Amino acid sequence: MTEPKDVIVKNRKLSDILEDHKLWLNTKGKEGKKADLSGETLENINLSGVDLSEANLSNATLKNINWNEADLSRADLSKATILGINWKLLYRHNGINLEGAIGNLPKGHVYKKEVDNGNPYNKVGRPI
């Protein structure tokens, strides 16, 4: 597995993008920058323990990522291709947007196309 410091995404080290995202989360958007990994191909990367809540991973290809104890809550993975992920190892993935995503998706969820109550993070239904 490759470490984030050794991966270049959008002309930046992935580790720097993750640090900016962490600051963005901790300051409620006042500092740092929300992670935008949309359209990127991430493969064989160790993202264990990383907080990517609310990150934009739409249209990304995610293959064999170590998500152990990672937080993807309210992240946008719409139209992403997701391969080799063990959803049980994630710390959180509530409110994740998987509309149009393909690959191995979590079982027991219903993915809705409509937006509930005007909240764009409610596109994913709860287990029923």
Protein backbone atom coordinates (compact mmCIF):
# COMPACT_ATOMS: atom_id res chain seq x y z
CA MET A 1 0.00 0.00 0.00
CA THR A 2 1.17 3.45 -0.92
CA GLU A 3 1.14 6.18 1.72
CA PRO A 4 -0.68 9.50 0.98
CA LYS A 5 2.61 11.44 1.11
CA ASP A 6 3.78 9.46 -1.93
CA VAL A 7 0.67 10.06 -4.05
CA ILE A 8 0.25 13.12 -6.29
CA VAL A 9 -3.35 14.23 -6.95
CA LYS A 10 -4.20 17.39 -8.88
CA ASN A 11 -0.54 18.48 -8.72
CA ARG A 12 -0.44 18.16 -4.91
CA LYS A 13 0.59 15.49 -2.44
CA LEU A 14 -2.47 13.61 -1.24
CA SER A 15 -1.21 14.04 2.33
CA ASP A 16 -1.38 17.85 1.90
CA ILE A 17 -4.94 17.62 0.55
CA LEU A 18 -5.89 15.48 3.56
CA GLU A 19 -4.30 17.97 5.99
CA ASP A 20 -6.17 20.87 4.38
CA HIS A 21 -9.40 18.85 4.61
CA LYS A 22 -8.79 18.08 8.29
CA LEU A 23 -8.28 21.79 8.98
CA TRP A 24 -11.41 22.61 6.97
CA LEU A 25 -13.42 20.15 9.08
CA ASN A 26 -11.94 21.29 12.40
CA THR A 27 -12.61 24.98 11.69
CA LYS A 28 -16.03 24.36 10.13
CA GLY A 29 -14.83 25.68 6.78
CA LYS A 30 -13.13 28.86 8.04
CA GLU A 31 -9.63 27.57 7.23
CA GLY A 32 -8.18 24.86 5.06
CA LYS A 33 -9.97 23.45 2.05
CA LYS A 34 -12.54 20.72 1.50
CA ALA A 35 -10.97 17.69 -0.21
CA ASP A 36 -11.91 17.50 -3.87
CA LEU A 37 -10.80 14.17 -5.30
CA SER A 38 -13.53 14.07 -7.92
CA GLY A 39 -12.64 12.20 -11.08
CA GLU A 40 -9.35 10.93 -9.65
CA THR A 41 -8.09 7.35 -9.70
CA LEU A 42 -6.90 6.22 -6.28
CA GLU A 43 -5.49 2.71 -6.12
CA ASN A 44 -3.65 0.70 -3.45
CA ILE A 45 -3.46 3.63 -1.02
CA ASN A 46 -3.41 3.44 2.76
CA LEU A 47 -6.14 5.80 4.02
CA SER A 48 -6.62 4.06 7.32
CA GLY A 49 -7.90 6.41 10.03
CA VAL A 50 -8.37 9.31 7.59
CA ASP A 51 -11.38 11.59 8.03
CA LEU A 52 -12.84 12.23 4.57
CA SER A 53 -16.27 13.17 5.85
CA GLU A 54 -17.98 15.58 3.45
CA ALA A 55 -15.19 15.12 0.86
CA ASN A 56 -15.94 15.13 -2.87
CA LEU A 57 -15.04 11.75 -4.40
CA SER A 58 -17.64 11.87 -7.14
CA ASN A 59 -16.71 10.12 -10.40
CA ALA A 60 -13.55 8.79 -8.72
CA THR A 61 -12.17 5.30 -9.21
CA LEU A 62 -11.34 3.81 -5.82
CA LYS A 63 -9.61 0.45 -5.96
CA ASN A 64 -8.10 -1.56 -3.10
CA ILE A 65 -7.98 1.34 -0.66
CA ASN A 66 -7.24 0.60 3.00
CA TRP A 67 -10.21 2.39 4.63
CA ASN A 68 -9.71 0.77 8.05
CA GLU A 69 -11.20 3.14 10.67
CA ALA A 70 -11.70 5.88 8.04
CA ASP A 71 -14.65 8.27 8.17
CA LEU A 72 -16.60 8.76 4.92
CA SER A 73 -19.75 10.15 6.51
CA ARG A 74 -21.61 12.59 4.25
CA ALA A 75 -18.95 12.17 1.54
CA ASP A 76 -19.99 12.40 -2.09
CA LEU A 77 -19.13 9.18 -3.93
CA SER A 78 -21.79 9.63 -6.57
CA LYS A 79 -20.95 7.90 -9.86
CA ALA A 80 -17.74 6.52 -8.32
CA THR A 81 -16.33 3.12 -9.19
CA ILE A 82 -15.58 1.35 -5.92
CA LEU A 83 -13.65 -1.93 -5.91
CA GLY A 84 -12.06 -3.88 -3.07
CA ILE A 85 -13.57 -2.02 -0.12
CA ASN A 86 -14.64 -3.69 3.11
CA TRP A 87 -17.44 -1.44 4.40
CA LYS A 88 -17.33 -3.12 7.81
CA LEU A 89 -13.85 -1.71 8.48
CA LEU A 90 -14.94 1.90 8.02
CA TYR A 91 -15.38 3.93 11.16
CA ARG A 92 -18.40 5.72 9.64
CA HIS A 93 -20.19 5.93 6.33
CA ASN A 94 -23.58 7.33 7.33
CA GLY A 95 -25.12 9.83 4.94
CA ILE A 96 -22.73 8.89 2.15
CA ASN A 97 -23.94 9.73 -1.37
CA LEU A 98 -23.53 6.64 -3.56
CA GLU A 99 -26.06 7.61 -6.21
CA GLY A 100 -24.95 6.07 -9.51
CA ALA A 101 -21.88 4.44 -7.96
CA ILE A 102 -20.84 0.99 -9.12
CA GLY A 103 -18.74 -1.77 -7.60
CA ASN A 104 -19.01 -3.39 -4.22
CA LEU A 105 -21.49 -1.19 -2.36
CA PRO A 106 -22.73 -1.76 1.21
CA LYS A 107 -25.55 -4.29 1.40
CA GLY A 108 -28.89 -3.49 3.01
CA HIS A 109 -29.09 0.14 1.92
CA VAL A 110 -31.56 1.78 -0.42
CA TYR A 111 -30.13 4.63 -2.48
CA LYS A 112 -32.65 7.33 -3.28
CA LYS A 113 -32.36 9.73 -6.20
CA GLU A 114 -34.43 12.50 -4.66
CA VAL A 115 -33.11 14.97 -2.12
CA ASP A 116 -34.95 14.82 1.20
CA ASN A 117 -35.80 18.09 2.96
CA GLY A 118 -33.43 20.04 0.73
CA ASN A 119 -30.42 18.31 2.32
CA PRO A 120 -28.03 17.09 -0.41
CA TYR A 121 -26.48 14.60 2.03
CA ASN A 122 -29.78 12.77 2.47
CA LYS A 123 -29.61 11.13 -0.96
CA VAL A 124 -28.79 7.81 0.64
CA GLY A 125 -31.57 5.95 2.40
CA ARG A 126 -31.17 4.16 5.68
CA PRO A 127 -31.22 0.36 5.96
CA ILE A 128 -34.77 -0.93 5.86
